[in-house]
Amino acid sequence: MLQVLTATEKQPVKQQTKKLFRVKEEVMKAPTCYTDRLVENIRQTCRFDWMMIEHVKLGDDLVHYVLVGPKGVFLIQLNRTPAPVHMTNRECRTETSMGWKQVYPHPVTELERMTKQVRSRLKKECNQAIPVYSFLIFPETERLKLERIKANCGDSFALVDQVINKTNLETLTEPLVKQIAYYCSERQVHK
């Protein structure tokens, strides 16, 4: 389990490179990972009573990030395609060297199926309805075009912060948040 506020900022890495006649010390940009990007975006919104679990296997699905807090459960799924993506409610296409290629099954349909499955599992586990929200993030795509999408899709983790800010209800109590976080951490896949 990862407490959201415990993430530390990465320091730049200094590396020596050999030029033609001299050794030069260059400052390399610190490596960024998706967890750091997500934490950076939600740090101010999600305080001490939020927990984040990475790589949770719920049924047949592997959820990349699960955020659990008083406002509900937020599932974050990553799509790591670097190609340009054009998505509507009916179709999803990626650009290849041969033109546009249709993506099957539709990522939003898969996200909705996964969200329903997680809702039903959490309802059985907690004996009450738990609000579950889901996100589809394309962090590596060079161009993302969304048209009339009914799901939470975007190319950055700032979308997660916006939706959490808009959610006004705090329906989950602290023991329930801990129960859900424990349930998810038991199903965590360590990579």
N, C-alpha and C. Protein backbone atom coordinates (compact mmCIF):
# COMPACT_ATOMS: atom_id res chain seq x y z
N MET A 1 0.83 -1.17 0.00
CA MET A 1 0.00 0.00 0.00
C MET A 1 0.89 1.24 0.00
N LEU A 2 0.42 2.28 -0.60
CA LEU A 2 1.21 3.48 -0.73
C LEU A 2 0.38 4.65 -0.25
N GLN A 3 0.86 5.36 0.73
CA GLN A 3 0.19 6.57 1.18
C GLN A 3 0.51 7.65 0.15
N VAL A 4 -0.47 8.37 -0.30
CA VAL A 4 -0.28 9.28 -1.43
C VAL A 4 0.75 10.36 -1.13
N LEU A 5 0.78 10.90 0.08
CA LEU A 5 1.67 12.02 0.38
C LEU A 5 3.10 11.60 0.67
N THR A 6 3.41 10.32 0.67
CA THR A 6 4.77 9.90 1.01
C THR A 6 5.73 9.93 -0.16
N ALA A 7 5.26 10.21 -1.33
CA ALA A 7 6.14 10.22 -2.49
C ALA A 7 7.10 11.39 -2.40
N THR A 8 8.36 11.15 -2.71
CA THR A 8 9.38 12.20 -2.69
C THR A 8 9.74 12.57 -4.11
N GLU A 9 10.19 13.78 -4.27
CA GLU A 9 10.57 14.23 -5.61
C GLU A 9 11.90 13.62 -5.99
N LYS A 10 12.03 13.25 -7.25
CA LYS A 10 13.27 12.65 -7.75
C LYS A 10 14.29 13.74 -8.00
N GLN A 11 15.52 13.45 -7.62
CA GLN A 11 16.62 14.38 -7.84
C GLN A 11 17.23 14.14 -9.21
N PRO A 12 17.72 15.19 -9.86
CA PRO A 12 18.37 14.99 -11.16
C PRO A 12 19.61 14.10 -11.02
N VAL A 13 19.88 13.35 -12.04
CA VAL A 13 21.01 12.43 -12.03
C VAL A 13 22.15 13.08 -12.80
N LYS A 14 23.36 13.06 -12.19
CA LYS A 14 24.53 13.60 -12.88
C LYS A 14 25.28 12.44 -13.50
N GLN A 15 25.67 12.63 -14.75
CA GLN A 15 26.32 11.56 -15.48
C GLN A 15 27.51 12.14 -16.24
N GLN A 16 28.61 11.40 -16.20
CA GLN A 16 29.79 11.84 -16.94
C GLN A 16 29.74 11.27 -18.35
N THR A 17 29.95 12.14 -19.31
CA THR A 17 29.99 11.69 -20.69
C THR A 17 31.35 12.05 -21.27
N LYS A 18 31.85 11.20 -22.12
CA LYS A 18 33.16 11.44 -22.74
C LYS A 18 32.95 12.12 -24.08
N LYS A 19 33.49 13.27 -24.17
CA LYS A 19 33.50 13.98 -25.45
C LYS A 19 34.80 13.63 -26.18
N LEU A 20 35.09 14.33 -27.21
CA LEU A 20 36.26 13.99 -28.01
C LEU A 20 37.56 14.16 -27.23
N PHE A 21 37.71 15.28 -26.50
CA PHE A 21 38.97 15.54 -25.81
C PHE A 21 38.83 15.69 -24.31
N ARG A 22 37.62 15.75 -23.77
CA ARG A 22 37.49 15.97 -22.33
C ARG A 22 36.27 15.24 -21.79
N VAL A 23 36.25 15.07 -20.47
CA VAL A 23 35.12 14.46 -19.78
C VAL A 23 34.21 15.60 -19.32
N LYS A 24 32.95 15.47 -19.62
CA LYS A 24 32.00 16.52 -19.28
C LYS A 24 30.93 15.93 -18.37
N GLU A 25 30.56 16.67 -17.35
CA GLU A 25 29.51 16.20 -16.45
C GLU A 25 28.20 16.85 -16.87
N GLU A 26 27.20 16.03 -17.20
CA GLU A 26 25.91 16.53 -17.63
C GLU A 26 24.86 16.18 -16.59
N VAL A 27 23.89 17.04 -16.47
CA VAL A 27 22.78 16.76 -15.58
C VAL A 27 21.67 16.16 -16.43
N MET A 28 21.33 14.93 -16.11
CA MET A 28 20.29 14.23 -16.84
C MET A 28 18.96 14.47 -16.14
N LYS A 29 17.91 14.47 -16.88
CA LYS A 29 16.58 14.61 -16.31
C LYS A 29 16.23 13.36 -15.51
N ALA A 30 15.67 13.55 -14.34
CA ALA A 30 15.32 12.42 -13.49
C ALA A 30 14.29 11.54 -14.19
N PRO A 31 14.44 10.23 -14.06
CA PRO A 31 13.46 9.35 -14.72
C PRO A 31 12.08 9.51 -14.08
N THR A 32 11.08 9.59 -14.92
CA THR A 32 9.72 9.74 -14.38
C THR A 32 8.98 8.44 -14.59
N CYS A 33 8.16 8.13 -13.62
CA CYS A 33 7.32 6.95 -13.75
C CYS A 33 5.87 7.41 -13.59
N TYR A 34 4.96 6.55 -13.99
CA TYR A 34 3.55 6.91 -13.95
C TYR A 34 3.06 7.13 -12.53
N THR A 35 3.59 6.37 -11.57
CA THR A 35 3.18 6.55 -10.18
C THR A 35 3.54 7.96 -9.71
N ASP A 36 4.75 8.41 -10.03
CA ASP A 36 5.17 9.75 -9.64
C ASP A 36 4.29 10.83 -10.28
N ARG A 37 3.97 10.64 -11.54
CA ARG A 37 3.10 11.61 -12.23
C ARG A 37 1.73 11.67 -11.58
N LEU A 38 1.16 10.50 -11.29
CA LEU A 38 -0.16 10.45 -10.67
C LEU A 38 -0.14 11.10 -9.30
N VAL A 39 0.85 10.76 -8.48
CA VAL A 39 0.95 11.32 -7.13
C VAL A 39 1.13 12.83 -7.19
N GLU A 40 1.93 13.30 -8.11
CA GLU A 40 2.15 14.74 -8.25
C GLU A 40 0.84 15.48 -8.56
N ASN A 41 0.00 14.88 -9.39
CA ASN A 41 -1.26 15.53 -9.76
C ASN A 41 -2.30 15.50 -8.65
N ILE A 42 -2.32 14.47 -7.83
CA ILE A 42 -3.38 14.35 -6.83
C ILE A 42 -2.91 14.66 -5.41
N ARG A 43 -1.68 15.07 -5.25
CA ARG A 43 -1.11 15.31 -3.92
C ARG A 43 -1.93 16.30 -3.10
N GLN A 44 -2.36 17.40 -3.67
CA GLN A 44 -3.10 18.41 -2.90
C GLN A 44 -4.55 18.00 -2.66
N THR A 45 -5.12 17.25 -3.55
CA THR A 45 -6.52 16.84 -3.41
C THR A 45 -6.67 15.68 -2.44
N CYS A 46 -5.84 14.68 -2.57
CA CYS A 46 -5.93 13.46 -1.75
C CYS A 46 -4.97 13.56 -0.59
N ARG A 47 -5.48 13.84 0.56
CA ARG A 47 -4.65 13.99 1.75
C ARG A 47 -4.43 12.67 2.45
N PHE A 48 -4.27 12.68 3.75
CA PHE A 48 -3.85 11.53 4.53
C PHE A 48 -4.84 10.38 4.54
N ASP A 49 -6.11 10.66 4.30
CA ASP A 49 -7.11 9.59 4.38
C ASP A 49 -7.32 8.86 3.06
N TRP A 50 -6.44 9.06 2.10
CA TRP A 50 -6.50 8.36 0.81
C TRP A 50 -5.37 7.35 0.72
N MET A 51 -5.63 6.25 0.04
CA MET A 51 -4.60 5.23 -0.17
C MET A 51 -4.58 4.84 -1.65
N MET A 52 -3.39 4.51 -2.12
CA MET A 52 -3.24 4.11 -3.51
C MET A 52 -2.54 2.75 -3.56
N ILE A 53 -3.10 1.84 -4.34
CA ILE A 53 -2.54 0.52 -4.51
C ILE A 53 -2.28 0.33 -6.00
N GLU A 54 -1.08 -0.17 -6.33
CA GLU A 54 -0.71 -0.38 -7.72
C GLU A 54 -0.89 -1.84 -8.11
N HIS A 55 -1.22 -2.08 -9.36
CA HIS A 55 -1.29 -3.42 -9.96
C HIS A 55 -2.15 -4.37 -9.15
N VAL A 56 -3.44 -4.13 -9.17
CA VAL A 56 -4.39 -4.95 -8.43
C VAL A 56 -5.11 -5.87 -9.40
N LYS A 57 -5.09 -7.16 -9.10
CA LYS A 57 -5.77 -8.16 -9.94
C LYS A 57 -7.15 -8.41 -9.34
N LEU A 58 -8.17 -7.91 -9.99
CA LEU A 58 -9.55 -8.09 -9.55
C LEU A 58 -10.26 -8.94 -10.60
N GLY A 59 -10.48 -10.20 -10.27
CA GLY A 59 -11.07 -11.12 -11.24
C GLY A 59 -10.07 -11.39 -12.34
N ASP A 60 -10.49 -11.18 -13.57
CA ASP A 60 -9.61 -11.40 -14.72
C ASP A 60 -8.85 -10.15 -15.12
N ASP A 61 -9.16 -9.02 -14.49
CA ASP A 61 -8.60 -7.74 -14.90
C ASP A 61 -7.47 -7.31 -13.98
N LEU A 62 -6.46 -6.69 -14.58
CA LEU A 62 -5.37 -6.08 -13.82
C LEU A 62 -5.59 -4.57 -13.88
N VAL A 63 -5.86 -3.98 -12.72
CA VAL A 63 -6.08 -2.53 -12.63
C VAL A 63 -4.74 -1.91 -12.28
N HIS A 64 -4.32 -0.90 -13.05
CA HIS A 64 -3.00 -0.32 -12.83
C HIS A 64 -2.92 0.43 -11.51
N TYR A 65 -3.92 1.26 -11.19
CA TYR A 65 -3.93 1.99 -9.93
C TYR A 65 -5.34 1.99 -9.36
N VAL A 66 -5.43 1.80 -8.06
CA VAL A 66 -6.70 1.90 -7.34
C VAL A 66 -6.51 2.94 -6.25
N LEU A 67 -7.27 4.02 -6.32
CA LEU A 67 -7.27 5.05 -5.29
C LEU A 67 -8.50 4.85 -4.42
N VAL A 68 -8.30 4.78 -3.12
CA VAL A 68 -9.41 4.57 -2.20
C VAL A 68 -9.40 5.72 -1.20
N GLY A 69 -10.55 6.37 -1.06
CA GLY A 69 -10.67 7.48 -0.12
C GLY A 69 -12.11 7.71 0.25
N PRO A 70 -12.37 8.76 1.03
CA PRO A 70 -13.74 9.03 1.48
C PRO A 70 -14.72 9.34 0.35
N LYS A 71 -14.24 9.73 -0.81
CA LYS A 71 -15.12 10.04 -1.94
C LYS A 71 -15.42 8.83 -2.81
N GLY A 72 -14.79 7.69 -2.53
CA GLY A 72 -15.07 6.49 -3.29
C GLY A 72 -13.80 5.79 -3.75
N VAL A 73 -13.99 4.87 -4.69
CA VAL A 73 -12.90 4.09 -5.26
C VAL A 73 -12.70 4.56 -6.70
N PHE A 74 -11.46 4.87 -7.04
CA PHE A 74 -11.13 5.37 -8.37
C PHE A 74 -10.16 4.39 -9.03
N LEU A 75 -10.60 3.81 -10.14
CA LEU A 75 -9.79 2.85 -10.89
C LEU A 75 -9.13 3.59 -12.05
N ILE A 76 -7.82 3.44 -12.16
CA ILE A 76 -7.08 4.13 -13.22
C ILE A 76 -6.41 3.07 -14.09
N GLN A 77 -6.81 3.05 -15.35
CA GLN A 77 -6.28 2.09 -16.32
C GLN A 77 -5.42 2.86 -17.32
N LEU A 78 -4.24 2.35 -17.62
CA LEU A 78 -3.34 3.01 -18.57
C LEU A 78 -3.38 2.30 -19.90
N ASN A 79 -3.32 3.08 -20.97
CA ASN A 79 -3.15 2.56 -22.32
C ASN A 79 -1.85 3.16 -22.82
N ARG A 80 -0.84 2.33 -23.02
CA ARG A 80 0.51 2.82 -23.30
C ARG A 80 0.84 2.90 -24.79
N THR A 81 -0.12 3.08 -25.63
CA THR A 81 0.17 3.19 -27.05
C THR A 81 0.81 4.55 -27.36
N PRO A 82 1.94 4.57 -28.08
CA PRO A 82 2.55 5.85 -28.42
C PRO A 82 1.95 6.49 -29.68
N ALA A 83 1.17 5.73 -30.42
CA ALA A 83 0.61 6.22 -31.68
C ALA A 83 -0.55 7.18 -31.40
N PRO A 84 -0.86 8.06 -32.35
CA PRO A 84 -2.03 8.92 -32.22
C PRO A 84 -3.30 8.08 -32.11
N VAL A 85 -4.24 8.54 -31.28
CA VAL A 85 -5.48 7.81 -31.03
C VAL A 85 -6.66 8.74 -31.30
N HIS A 86 -7.68 8.19 -32.00
CA HIS A 86 -8.93 8.90 -32.24
C HIS A 86 -10.04 8.01 -31.70
N MET A 87 -10.81 8.54 -30.73
CA MET A 87 -11.81 7.72 -30.08
C MET A 87 -13.16 8.43 -30.02
N THR A 88 -14.19 7.67 -30.37
CA THR A 88 -15.57 8.09 -30.17
C THR A 88 -16.24 6.99 -29.34
N ASN A 89 -17.52 7.15 -29.05
CA ASN A 89 -18.23 6.11 -28.29
C ASN A 89 -18.36 4.82 -29.09
N ARG A 90 -18.37 4.92 -30.41
CA ARG A 90 -18.58 3.74 -31.25
C ARG A 90 -17.29 3.06 -31.68
N GLU A 91 -16.22 3.83 -31.88
CA GLU A 91 -14.99 3.23 -32.39
C GLU A 91 -13.76 3.88 -31.79
N CYS A 92 -12.69 3.11 -31.81
CA CYS A 92 -11.37 3.59 -31.36
C CYS A 92 -10.37 3.19 -32.43
N ARG A 93 -9.60 4.18 -32.90
CA ARG A 93 -8.64 3.93 -33.96
C ARG A 93 -7.26 4.45 -33.55
N THR A 94 -6.23 3.73 -33.97
CA THR A 94 -4.86 4.20 -33.79
C THR A 94 -4.21 4.36 -35.15
N GLU A 95 -3.32 5.31 -35.26
CA GLU A 95 -2.65 5.57 -36.53
C GLU A 95 -1.40 4.70 -36.64
N THR A 96 -1.27 4.02 -37.76
CA THR A 96 -0.09 3.21 -38.04
C THR A 96 0.54 3.73 -39.33
N SER A 97 1.63 3.13 -39.73
CA SER A 97 2.29 3.54 -40.98
C SER A 97 1.42 3.21 -42.20
N MET A 98 0.49 2.28 -42.04
CA MET A 98 -0.40 1.88 -43.14
C MET A 98 -1.74 2.60 -43.11
N GLY A 99 -1.93 3.52 -42.16
CA GLY A 99 -3.19 4.23 -42.04
C GLY A 99 -3.80 4.01 -40.66
N TRP A 100 -5.09 4.25 -40.56
CA TRP A 100 -5.78 4.10 -39.28
C TRP A 100 -6.23 2.66 -39.07
N LYS A 101 -6.00 2.15 -37.87
CA LYS A 101 -6.35 0.77 -37.54
C LYS A 101 -7.39 0.77 -36.43
N GLN A 102 -8.45 0.01 -36.62
CA GLN A 102 -9.53 -0.13 -35.64
C GLN A 102 -9.04 -0.95 -34.45
N VAL A 103 -9.41 -0.55 -33.22
CA VAL A 103 -9.02 -1.26 -32.01
C VAL A 103 -10.23 -2.04 -31.49
N TYR A 104 -10.06 -3.35 -31.31
CA TYR A 104 -11.11 -4.22 -30.75
C TYR A 104 -10.55 -4.93 -29.55
N PRO A 105 -11.24 -5.12 -28.49
CA PRO A 105 -12.50 -4.48 -28.14
C PRO A 105 -12.26 -3.02 -27.79
N HIS A 106 -13.31 -2.26 -27.83
CA HIS A 106 -13.24 -0.83 -27.55
C HIS A 106 -12.76 -0.63 -26.11
N PRO A 107 -11.74 0.21 -25.87
CA PRO A 107 -11.21 0.39 -24.51
C PRO A 107 -12.25 0.89 -23.51
N VAL A 108 -13.17 1.74 -23.94
CA VAL A 108 -14.20 2.26 -23.03
C VAL A 108 -15.17 1.15 -22.64
N THR A 109 -15.52 0.27 -23.56
CA THR A 109 -16.39 -0.87 -23.26
C THR A 109 -15.72 -1.78 -22.23
N GLU A 110 -14.44 -2.03 -22.41
CA GLU A 110 -13.70 -2.85 -21.45
C GLU A 110 -13.62 -2.16 -20.09
N LEU A 111 -13.45 -0.85 -20.08
CA LEU A 111 -13.40 -0.09 -18.83
C LEU A 111 -14.73 -0.16 -18.09
N GLU A 112 -15.84 -0.03 -18.82
CA GLU A 112 -17.16 -0.12 -18.20
C GLU A 112 -17.42 -1.51 -17.63
N ARG A 113 -17.03 -2.54 -18.37
CA ARG A 113 -17.19 -3.92 -17.89
C ARG A 113 -16.40 -4.15 -16.61
N MET A 114 -15.17 -3.66 -16.59
CA MET A 114 -14.31 -3.81 -15.42
C MET A 114 -14.89 -3.05 -14.22
N THR A 115 -15.41 -1.85 -14.45
CA THR A 115 -15.99 -1.05 -13.38
C THR A 115 -17.20 -1.74 -12.76
N LYS A 116 -18.07 -2.30 -13.59
CA LYS A 116 -19.25 -3.03 -13.09
C LYS A 116 -18.82 -4.23 -12.27
N GLN A 117 -17.81 -4.93 -12.73
CA GLN A 117 -17.33 -6.11 -12.02
C GLN A 117 -16.75 -5.72 -10.65
N VAL A 118 -15.98 -4.64 -10.60
CA VAL A 118 -15.41 -4.18 -9.33
C VAL A 118 -16.51 -3.71 -8.39
N ARG A 119 -17.51 -3.01 -8.91
CA ARG A 119 -18.64 -2.57 -8.08
C ARG A 119 -19.32 -3.76 -7.41
N SER A 120 -19.60 -4.79 -8.20
CA SER A 120 -20.30 -5.95 -7.64
C SER A 120 -19.42 -6.68 -6.62
N ARG A 121 -18.12 -6.79 -6.87
CA ARG A 121 -17.22 -7.43 -5.91
C ARG A 121 -17.16 -6.65 -4.60
N LEU A 122 -17.06 -5.33 -4.70
CA LEU A 122 -16.98 -4.52 -3.49
C LEU A 122 -18.32 -4.51 -2.73
N LYS A 123 -19.42 -4.59 -3.45
CA LYS A 123 -20.73 -4.65 -2.79
C LYS A 123 -20.85 -5.95 -1.99
N LYS A 124 -20.37 -7.06 -2.54
CA LYS A 124 -20.37 -8.33 -1.80
C LYS A 124 -19.46 -8.26 -0.59
N GLU A 125 -18.28 -7.68 -0.78
CA GLU A 125 -17.28 -7.62 0.28
C GLU A 125 -17.70 -6.71 1.43
N CYS A 126 -18.29 -5.56 1.12
CA CYS A 126 -18.61 -4.55 2.14
C CYS A 126 -20.07 -4.53 2.55
N ASN A 127 -20.92 -5.30 1.90
CA ASN A 127 -22.35 -5.36 2.20
C ASN A 127 -23.06 -4.02 2.02
N GLN A 128 -22.54 -3.20 1.14
CA GLN A 128 -23.20 -1.95 0.77
C GLN A 128 -22.64 -1.46 -0.56
N ALA A 129 -23.37 -0.58 -1.20
CA ALA A 129 -22.94 -0.05 -2.50
C ALA A 129 -21.78 0.92 -2.30
N ILE A 130 -20.75 0.73 -3.09
CA ILE A 130 -19.55 1.57 -3.03
C ILE A 130 -19.46 2.35 -4.33
N PRO A 131 -19.27 3.68 -4.26
CA PRO A 131 -19.11 4.44 -5.50
C PRO A 131 -17.75 4.14 -6.15
N VAL A 132 -17.79 3.67 -7.40
CA VAL A 132 -16.58 3.33 -8.14
C VAL A 132 -16.55 4.16 -9.41
N TYR A 133 -15.44 4.87 -9.62
CA TYR A 133 -15.24 5.68 -10.81
C TYR A 133 -14.04 5.11 -11.55
N SER A 134 -14.04 5.22 -12.86
CA SER A 134 -12.92 4.67 -13.63
C SER A 134 -12.39 5.70 -14.63
N PHE A 135 -11.11 5.54 -14.94
CA PHE A 135 -10.40 6.44 -15.84
C PHE A 135 -9.59 5.63 -16.84
N LEU A 136 -9.48 6.15 -18.04
CA LEU A 136 -8.61 5.58 -19.06
C LEU A 136 -7.64 6.68 -19.46
N ILE A 137 -6.36 6.46 -19.17
CA ILE A 137 -5.34 7.47 -19.41
C ILE A 137 -4.38 6.97 -20.50
N PHE A 138 -4.07 7.85 -21.45
CA PHE A 138 -3.12 7.57 -22.53
C PHE A 138 -1.88 8.44 -22.31
N PRO A 139 -0.97 8.05 -21.40
CA PRO A 139 0.15 8.96 -21.06
C PRO A 139 1.24 9.06 -22.13
N GLU A 140 1.34 8.10 -23.03
CA GLU A 140 2.42 8.09 -24.01
C GLU A 140 2.00 8.50 -25.41
N THR A 141 0.73 8.66 -25.66
CA THR A 141 0.29 8.97 -27.01
C THR A 141 0.73 10.37 -27.41
N GLU A 142 1.11 10.50 -28.67
CA GLU A 142 1.55 11.82 -29.12
C GLU A 142 0.37 12.73 -29.46
N ARG A 143 -0.80 12.16 -29.77
CA ARG A 143 -1.98 12.97 -30.07
C ARG A 143 -3.21 12.15 -29.73
N LEU A 144 -4.09 12.72 -28.92
CA LEU A 144 -5.32 12.05 -28.52
C LEU A 144 -6.50 12.93 -28.90
N LYS A 145 -7.41 12.36 -29.69
CA LYS A 145 -8.60 13.09 -30.10
C LYS A 145 -9.81 12.33 -29.58
N LEU A 146 -10.59 12.98 -28.73
CA LEU A 146 -11.79 12.38 -28.15
C LEU A 146 -13.01 13.11 -28.65
N GLU A 147 -14.01 12.36 -29.09
CA GLU A 147 -15.26 12.96 -29.56
C GLU A 147 -16.44 12.27 -28.87
N ARG A 148 -17.20 13.05 -28.12
CA ARG A 148 -18.42 12.57 -27.46
C ARG A 148 -18.18 11.27 -26.67
N ILE A 149 -17.18 11.27 -25.82
CA ILE A 149 -16.86 10.10 -25.01
C ILE A 149 -17.63 10.20 -23.70
N LYS A 150 -18.30 9.12 -23.32
CA LYS A 150 -19.07 9.12 -22.08
C LYS A 150 -18.25 8.69 -20.87
N ALA A 151 -17.01 8.28 -21.06
CA ALA A 151 -16.14 7.84 -19.97
C ALA A 151 -15.09 8.91 -19.68
N ASN A 152 -14.39 8.74 -18.55
CA ASN A 152 -13.30 9.64 -18.19
C ASN A 152 -12.03 9.20 -18.91
N CYS A 153 -11.70 9.90 -19.99
CA CYS A 153 -10.50 9.59 -20.78
C CYS A 153 -9.67 10.85 -20.94
N GLY A 154 -8.36 10.67 -20.98
CA GLY A 154 -7.49 11.81 -21.16
C GLY A 154 -6.06 11.36 -21.40
N ASP A 155 -5.18 12.35 -21.62
CA ASP A 155 -3.78 12.01 -21.87
C ASP A 155 -2.88 12.36 -20.69
N SER A 156 -3.46 12.86 -19.60
CA SER A 156 -2.66 13.16 -18.41
C SER A 156 -3.45 12.81 -17.15
N PHE A 157 -2.72 12.72 -16.05
CA PHE A 157 -3.34 12.36 -14.78
C PHE A 157 -4.08 13.54 -14.14
N ALA A 158 -3.99 14.72 -14.74
CA ALA A 158 -4.72 15.88 -14.21
C ALA A 158 -6.23 15.62 -14.25
N LEU A 159 -6.68 14.79 -15.16
CA LEU A 159 -8.10 14.43 -15.25
C LEU A 159 -8.59 13.78 -13.95
N VAL A 160 -7.76 12.94 -13.34
CA VAL A 160 -8.13 12.27 -12.09
C VAL A 160 -8.38 13.30 -11.01
N ASP A 161 -7.48 14.27 -10.90
CA ASP A 161 -7.61 15.33 -9.91
C ASP A 161 -8.88 16.15 -10.12
N GLN A 162 -9.21 16.45 -11.38
CA GLN A 162 -10.41 17.23 -11.67
C GLN A 162 -11.67 16.50 -11.24
N VAL A 163 -11.76 15.20 -11.52
CA VAL A 163 -12.95 14.44 -11.16
C VAL A 163 -13.07 14.29 -9.65
N ILE A 164 -11.95 14.08 -8.97
CA ILE A 164 -11.99 13.98 -7.50
C ILE A 164 -12.46 15.30 -6.91
N ASN A 165 -11.99 16.42 -7.45
CA ASN A 165 -12.42 17.74 -6.96
C ASN A 165 -13.91 17.97 -7.18
N LYS A 166 -14.46 17.48 -8.31
CA LYS A 166 -15.88 17.69 -8.61
C LYS A 166 -16.79 16.81 -7.75
N THR A 167 -16.26 15.68 -7.25
CA THR A 167 -17.06 14.77 -6.45
C THR A 167 -17.23 15.38 -5.06
N ASN A 168 -18.45 15.75 -4.71
CA ASN A 168 -18.70 16.45 -3.45
C ASN A 168 -18.99 15.52 -2.28
N LEU A 169 -19.61 14.39 -2.55
CA LEU A 169 -20.02 13.51 -1.47
C LEU A 169 -18.84 12.75 -0.89
N GLU A 170 -18.79 12.69 0.42
CA GLU A 170 -17.82 11.83 1.09
C GLU A 170 -18.63 10.74 1.76
N THR A 171 -18.83 9.64 1.04
CA THR A 171 -19.75 8.60 1.49
C THR A 171 -19.08 7.48 2.27
N LEU A 172 -17.77 7.34 2.17
CA LEU A 172 -17.09 6.23 2.82
C LEU A 172 -16.47 6.65 4.14
N THR A 173 -16.69 5.84 5.16
CA THR A 173 -16.10 6.11 6.47
C THR A 173 -14.67 5.56 6.49
N GLU A 174 -13.91 5.95 7.49
CA GLU A 174 -12.52 5.52 7.58
C GLU A 174 -12.38 3.99 7.71
N PRO A 175 -13.20 3.30 8.54
CA PRO A 175 -13.07 1.84 8.57
C PRO A 175 -13.40 1.18 7.23
N LEU A 176 -14.36 1.74 6.49
CA LEU A 176 -14.72 1.18 5.19
C LEU A 176 -13.60 1.41 4.17
N VAL A 177 -12.97 2.59 4.22
CA VAL A 177 -11.84 2.88 3.34
C VAL A 177 -10.71 1.88 3.60
N LYS A 178 -10.45 1.62 4.89
CA LYS A 178 -9.38 0.67 5.24
C LYS A 178 -9.73 -0.75 4.80
N GLN A 179 -11.00 -1.11 4.91
CA GLN A 179 -11.44 -2.44 4.50
C GLN A 179 -11.24 -2.63 3.00
N ILE A 180 -11.63 -1.63 2.22
CA ILE A 180 -11.48 -1.71 0.76
C ILE A 180 -10.00 -1.71 0.38
N ALA A 181 -9.20 -0.87 1.04
CA ALA A 181 -7.76 -0.84 0.74
C ALA A 181 -7.11 -2.17 1.08
N TYR A 182 -7.51 -2.79 2.17
CA TYR A 182 -6.96 -4.09 2.54
C TYR A 182 -7.37 -5.16 1.52
N TYR A 183 -8.63 -5.10 1.10
CA TYR A 183 -9.13 -6.04 0.09
C TYR A 183 -8.32 -5.92 -1.20
N CYS A 184 -8.03 -4.70 -1.61
CA CYS A 184 -7.26 -4.48 -2.84
C CYS A 184 -5.79 -4.87 -2.66
N SER A 185 -5.22 -4.56 -1.50
CA SER A 185 -3.80 -4.88 -1.28
C SER A 185 -3.57 -6.38 -1.21
N GLU A 186 -4.58 -7.15 -0.79
CA GLU A 186 -4.45 -8.61 -0.81
C GLU A 186 -4.36 -9.14 -2.24
N ARG A 187 -4.92 -8.41 -3.19
CA ARG A 187 -4.93 -8.84 -4.59
C ARG A 187 -3.87 -8.11 -5.43
N GLN A 188 -2.94 -7.47 -4.77
CA GLN A 188 -1.90 -6.74 -5.47
C GLN A 188 -0.89 -7.70 -6.09
N VAL A 189 -0.54 -7.42 -7.34
CA VAL A 189 0.46 -8.20 -8.05
C VAL A 189 1.76 -7.42 -7.99
N HIS A 190 2.79 -8.00 -7.43
CA HIS A 190 4.07 -7.30 -7.30
C HIS A 190 4.91 -7.53 -8.54
N LYS A 191 5.35 -6.44 -9.14
CA LYS A 191 6.15 -6.53 -10.36
C LYS A 191 7.57 -6.15 -10.08
